[in-house]
Amino acid sequence: MRRELLKVEGLSVRRPGAEVLRGVDFEVAAGEVHALLGLNGSGKTSLALALMGAEGYEPEEGRIFLDGRDITDLSVTERAQLGLTLAWQHPARFEGLMVADYLALGMEEPSRERMQEALEAVALAPRAYMGRAVDTALSGGERKRIELAAVYAMQPRLAILDEPDSGVDVLCLEDVIGLIRRMASGGTAVLLITHRDELTSVADRASLMCAGTVVETGSPEDVREYFAGRCRPHGELLGNQPWGELAGGTYERVIAEEAAGE
């Protein structure tokens, strides 16, 4: 029987000039990989930031529960202490901070063996990277891999991975998929946020996000088919999903058609 780990009920978030989340209902089970699929601008990253408690993403309505506990009003630090973590789409640089120290930050009991295992999990040689600084000398792809290694090393209860393949060359896509599988096998639930439907192959379940809300949850195959047949053509026509009117109301008409199933 599936045990619910994360539960979101009627979550609405407003940013200056826009309602970026609109009544989101969403669940992630313990130990599962759940893919959240959607076009750029559909609200996926806004949901990730709201789940993590980021400043400016406090909900106007709705509640967030982690393992049955209401965490809606908890800080980022408090949520992290409960085992929730987020791998940012664009990882930061830290001048003077060594990779080994960065990996150790989120670990309850820092272990060099675990750090080495984490780097190997993202296809980086520990001997070449442990003593390097997390700064501008690293490429975007290297920084992304090191951030994913840090998430792997800390073994959170729920890892939110926002576009984990962003900044990673296409040849490394299998490395990303392999890392997610290793995290799940170690007991970490993964919320995989992506606009690339091929990444849903690693998921147990998938949800589709459109216009700031989750419109469908089901098997990765069914959600991917819906996305490929309906969302992607709209994205090619309209570009990234904007908030508000586009092309004389065309965007709003497209959303209305989707809601009506036309």
Protein backbone atom coordinates (compact mmCIF):
# COMPACT_ATOMS: atom_id res chain seq x y z
CA MET A 1 0.00 0.00 0.00
CA ARG A 2 1.36 3.45 -0.98
CA ARG A 3 2.23 5.61 2.06
CA GLU A 4 1.80 9.32 1.52
CA LEU A 5 4.90 11.41 2.32
CA LEU A 6 4.11 14.80 0.80
CA LYS A 7 0.59 16.14 0.46
CA VAL A 8 -0.40 19.51 -1.01
CA GLU A 9 -3.97 20.72 -0.65
CA GLY A 10 -5.41 23.68 -2.60
CA LEU A 11 -2.12 25.58 -2.75
CA SER A 12 -2.32 29.06 -4.28
CA VAL A 13 0.61 31.48 -4.48
CA ARG A 14 0.63 35.01 -5.86
CA ARG A 15 3.71 36.85 -7.00
CA PRO A 16 3.69 40.56 -7.94
CA GLY A 17 1.21 40.86 -10.79
CA ALA A 18 0.52 37.13 -11.20
CA GLU A 19 -1.05 34.12 -9.52
CA VAL A 20 1.66 31.52 -10.18
CA LEU A 21 0.01 28.60 -8.38
CA ARG A 22 -3.72 28.03 -8.60
CA GLY A 23 -5.29 25.55 -6.20
CA VAL A 24 -2.64 22.84 -6.54
CA ASP A 25 -3.54 19.39 -5.19
CA PHE A 26 -0.61 17.00 -5.27
CA GLU A 27 0.92 13.98 -3.50
CA VAL A 28 4.24 12.15 -3.42
CA ALA A 29 4.45 8.72 -1.81
CA ALA A 30 7.29 7.58 0.42
CA GLY A 31 10.13 6.07 -1.59
CA GLU A 32 8.68 6.86 -5.01
CA VAL A 33 10.07 8.84 -7.93
CA HIS A 34 7.34 11.25 -9.01
CA ALA A 35 7.89 13.24 -12.21
CA LEU A 36 6.29 16.68 -12.48
CA LEU A 37 6.10 17.49 -16.17
CA GLY A 38 5.16 20.77 -17.81
CA LEU A 39 6.17 23.46 -20.27
CA ASN A 40 8.50 26.24 -19.18
CA GLY A 41 6.43 28.80 -17.29
CA SER A 42 3.77 26.34 -16.16
CA GLY A 43 4.54 26.85 -12.46
CA LYS A 44 6.81 23.88 -11.70
CA THR A 45 9.64 25.88 -10.14
CA SER A 46 7.16 28.06 -8.26
CA LEU A 47 5.74 24.89 -6.71
CA ALA A 48 9.23 23.70 -5.76
CA LEU A 49 10.00 27.03 -4.08
CA ALA A 50 6.67 27.03 -2.24
CA LEU A 51 7.27 23.48 -1.01
CA MET A 52 10.69 24.50 0.29
CA GLY A 53 9.34 27.64 2.00
CA ALA A 54 11.30 30.15 -0.07
CA GLU A 55 10.75 33.83 0.68
CA GLY A 56 8.10 35.36 -1.56
CA TYR A 57 6.36 32.04 -2.20
CA GLU A 58 4.19 31.90 0.92
CA PRO A 59 0.75 30.52 0.02
CA GLU A 60 -2.34 32.69 0.08
CA GLU A 61 -4.42 29.54 0.39
CA GLY A 62 -3.82 25.84 0.94
CA ARG A 63 -1.64 23.65 3.15
CA ILE A 64 1.51 21.53 2.78
CA PHE A 65 1.99 18.33 4.79
CA LEU A 66 5.14 16.22 5.18
CA ASP A 67 4.48 12.77 6.59
CA GLY A 68 1.24 14.04 8.10
CA ARG A 69 2.77 17.14 9.70
CA ASP A 70 1.59 20.58 8.58
CA ILE A 71 4.76 22.39 7.43
CA THR A 72 3.04 25.32 5.68
CA ASP A 73 4.32 27.90 8.16
CA LEU A 74 7.75 26.39 8.79
CA SER A 75 10.97 28.05 7.63
CA VAL A 76 13.33 26.70 5.00
CA THR A 77 15.70 25.55 7.74
CA GLU A 78 12.95 23.77 9.66
CA ARG A 79 11.78 21.97 6.53
CA ALA A 80 15.35 20.93 5.77
CA GLN A 81 15.70 19.54 9.28
CA LEU A 82 12.62 17.40 8.63
CA GLY A 83 14.31 15.89 5.56
CA LEU A 84 13.09 18.08 2.68
CA THR A 85 15.68 19.46 0.27
CA LEU A 86 15.78 21.19 -3.10
CA ALA A 87 18.42 20.99 -5.82
CA TRP A 88 18.21 24.36 -7.54
CA GLN A 89 17.86 24.64 -11.30
CA HIS A 90 20.81 27.06 -11.36
CA PRO A 91 23.26 26.11 -8.59
CA ALA A 92 25.19 28.82 -6.78
CA ARG A 93 28.95 29.38 -6.64
CA PHE A 94 30.78 29.65 -3.34
CA GLU A 95 34.16 31.35 -3.50
CA GLY A 96 36.69 29.64 -1.22
CA LEU A 97 34.46 26.68 -0.29
CA MET A 98 35.96 23.32 -1.21
CA VAL A 99 33.82 20.61 -2.80
CA ALA A 100 34.47 18.27 0.14
CA ASP A 101 33.26 20.93 2.61
CA TYR A 102 30.21 21.67 0.45
CA LEU A 103 29.26 17.97 0.38
CA ALA A 104 29.69 17.74 4.16
CA LEU A 105 27.34 20.64 4.91
CA GLY A 106 24.14 18.62 4.64
CA MET A 107 25.41 15.38 6.16
CA GLU A 108 24.56 14.52 9.77
CA GLU A 109 27.81 12.58 10.10
CA PRO A 110 30.25 13.64 7.37
CA SER A 111 32.00 10.65 5.85
CA ARG A 112 34.73 10.80 3.24
CA GLU A 113 33.56 7.45 1.87
CA ARG A 114 30.03 8.81 1.41
CA MET A 115 31.38 11.94 -0.28
CA GLN A 116 33.40 9.83 -2.69
CA GLU A 117 30.39 7.65 -3.40
CA ALA A 118 28.28 10.77 -4.09
CA LEU A 119 30.78 12.17 -6.59
CA GLU A 120 31.09 8.82 -8.33
CA ALA A 121 27.27 8.70 -8.54
CA VAL A 122 27.38 11.82 -10.75
CA ALA A 123 30.35 10.58 -12.77
CA LEU A 124 32.97 12.86 -11.19
CA ALA A 125 36.33 11.53 -10.02
CA PRO A 126 36.66 12.16 -6.25
CA ARG A 127 40.44 12.59 -6.44
CA ALA A 128 40.02 15.33 -9.06
CA TYR A 129 37.19 17.23 -7.38
CA MET A 130 37.28 16.86 -3.58
CA GLY A 131 39.89 19.62 -3.23
CA ARG A 132 38.48 21.99 -5.83
CA ALA A 133 36.55 25.15 -4.96
CA VAL A 134 32.87 25.57 -5.81
CA ASP A 135 33.52 28.74 -7.80
CA THR A 136 33.76 30.16 -11.30
CA ALA A 137 36.50 27.69 -12.22
CA LEU A 138 33.82 25.01 -12.45
CA SER A 139 31.61 24.77 -15.52
CA GLY A 140 27.84 24.92 -15.21
CA GLY A 141 27.64 21.18 -15.76
CA GLU A 142 30.23 20.48 -13.08
CA ARG A 143 28.43 22.69 -10.56
CA LYS A 144 25.14 20.99 -11.35
CA ARG A 145 26.65 17.55 -10.80
CA ILE A 146 28.27 18.62 -7.53
CA GLU A 147 24.96 19.98 -6.25
CA LEU A 148 23.25 16.69 -7.14
CA ALA A 149 26.07 14.84 -5.40
CA ALA A 150 25.43 16.96 -2.28
CA VAL A 151 21.75 15.99 -2.30
CA TYR A 152 22.69 12.34 -2.73
CA ALA A 153 25.18 12.55 0.14
CA MET A 154 22.68 13.99 2.64
CA GLN A 155 20.10 11.20 2.05
CA PRO A 156 16.98 13.36 2.53
CA ARG A 157 13.49 11.94 2.99
CA LEU A 158 12.29 13.91 -0.05
CA ALA A 159 14.55 15.43 -2.69
CA ILE A 160 13.07 18.00 -5.07
CA LEU A 161 15.19 18.01 -8.22
CA ASP A 162 14.37 21.06 -10.35
CA GLU A 163 15.42 20.36 -13.96
CA PRO A 164 18.34 18.11 -12.88
CA ASP A 165 19.56 17.83 -16.47
CA SER A 166 19.82 21.61 -16.86
CA GLY A 167 23.43 22.56 -17.52
CA VAL A 168 24.36 18.91 -18.03
CA ASP A 169 25.23 17.84 -21.54
CA VAL A 170 22.93 15.35 -23.24
CA LEU A 171 25.53 12.59 -23.01
CA CYS A 172 25.12 12.71 -19.22
CA LEU A 173 21.34 12.16 -19.22
CA GLU A 174 21.81 8.50 -18.31
CA ASP A 175 24.00 9.58 -15.40
CA VAL A 176 21.13 11.73 -14.10
CA ILE A 177 18.68 8.85 -14.46
CA GLY A 178 21.10 6.48 -12.74
CA LEU A 179 21.55 8.93 -9.85
CA ILE A 180 17.79 9.22 -9.33
CA ARG A 181 17.45 5.45 -9.26
CA ARG A 182 20.26 5.18 -6.70
CA MET A 183 18.61 7.80 -4.50
CA ALA A 184 15.27 5.99 -4.64
CA SER A 185 16.87 2.62 -3.89
CA GLY A 186 18.43 4.23 -0.80
CA GLY A 187 15.01 5.24 0.52
CA THR A 188 14.80 8.84 -0.70
CA ALA A 189 11.56 9.94 -2.37
CA VAL A 190 12.27 12.09 -5.44
CA LEU A 191 10.12 14.82 -6.96
CA LEU A 192 11.59 15.17 -10.43
CA ILE A 193 10.68 18.49 -12.06
CA THR A 194 11.25 18.58 -15.81
CA HIS A 195 10.00 19.79 -19.19
CA ARG A 196 11.70 16.84 -20.93
CA ASP A 197 9.21 14.01 -21.20
CA GLU A 198 11.93 11.40 -21.80
CA LEU A 199 12.99 11.80 -18.15
CA THR A 200 9.64 10.39 -17.00
CA SER A 201 10.99 6.93 -17.85
CA VAL A 202 12.63 6.83 -14.40
CA ALA A 203 9.40 7.70 -12.54
CA ASP A 204 6.90 5.50 -10.71
CA ARG A 205 4.15 8.08 -11.23
CA ALA A 206 3.89 11.39 -13.05
CA SER A 207 1.83 14.57 -12.89
CA LEU A 208 1.24 17.23 -15.51
CA MET A 209 1.32 20.92 -14.63
CA CYS A 210 -0.35 23.57 -16.74
CA ALA A 211 -1.15 27.23 -16.04
CA GLY A 212 -0.13 26.98 -12.40
CA THR A 213 -2.01 23.85 -11.41
CA VAL A 214 -1.71 20.07 -11.62
CA VAL A 215 -4.17 18.90 -14.27
CA GLU A 216 -3.47 15.16 -14.34
CA THR A 217 -1.69 12.46 -12.32
CA GLY A 218 -1.20 8.90 -13.46
CA SER A 219 1.26 6.53 -15.04
CA PRO A 220 4.36 8.12 -16.62
CA GLU A 221 3.28 6.69 -19.98
CA ASP A 222 -0.19 8.28 -19.88
CA VAL A 223 1.07 11.66 -18.69
CA ARG A 224 3.86 11.67 -21.25
CA GLU A 225 1.39 10.87 -24.03
CA TYR A 226 -0.88 13.74 -22.98
CA PHE A 227 2.08 16.12 -22.79
CA ALA A 228 3.44 15.10 -26.19
CA GLY A 229 0.04 15.24 -27.89
CA ARG A 230 -1.37 18.42 -26.38
CA CYS A 231 1.06 20.50 -24.32
CA ARG A 232 4.10 20.37 -26.57
CA PRO A 233 2.20 21.50 -29.71
CA HIS A 234 0.79 24.43 -27.70
CA GLY A 235 4.28 25.25 -26.49
CA GLU A 236 5.60 25.25 -30.04
CA LEU A 237 2.78 27.60 -31.05
CA LEU A 238 2.90 29.94 -28.07
CA GLY A 239 6.38 29.58 -26.59
CA ASN A 240 6.83 29.51 -22.81
CA GLN A 241 3.61 29.75 -20.87
CA PRO A 242 3.05 33.37 -19.86
CA TRP A 243 0.81 34.62 -17.09
CA GLY A 244 -1.91 36.77 -18.59
CA GLU A 245 -3.07 37.32 -22.12
CA LEU A 246 -1.05 36.39 -25.16
CA ALA A 247 -1.85 37.06 -28.82
CA GLY A 248 -5.29 38.52 -28.18
CA GLY A 249 -6.38 35.88 -25.68
CA THR A 250 -5.05 32.88 -27.60
CA TYR A 251 -3.30 31.50 -24.51
CA GLU A 252 -6.40 31.74 -22.36
CA ARG A 253 -8.41 30.03 -25.10
CA VAL A 254 -5.89 27.16 -25.27
CA ILE A 255 -6.11 26.62 -21.50
CA ALA A 256 -9.91 26.68 -21.64
CA GLU A 257 -9.85 24.06 -24.42
CA GLU A 258 -7.57 21.84 -22.36
CA ALA A 259 -9.82 22.13 -19.33
CA ALA A 260 -12.84 21.23 -21.46
CA GLY A 261 -10.97 18.31 -23.03
CA GLU A 262 -11.48 19.58 -26.56
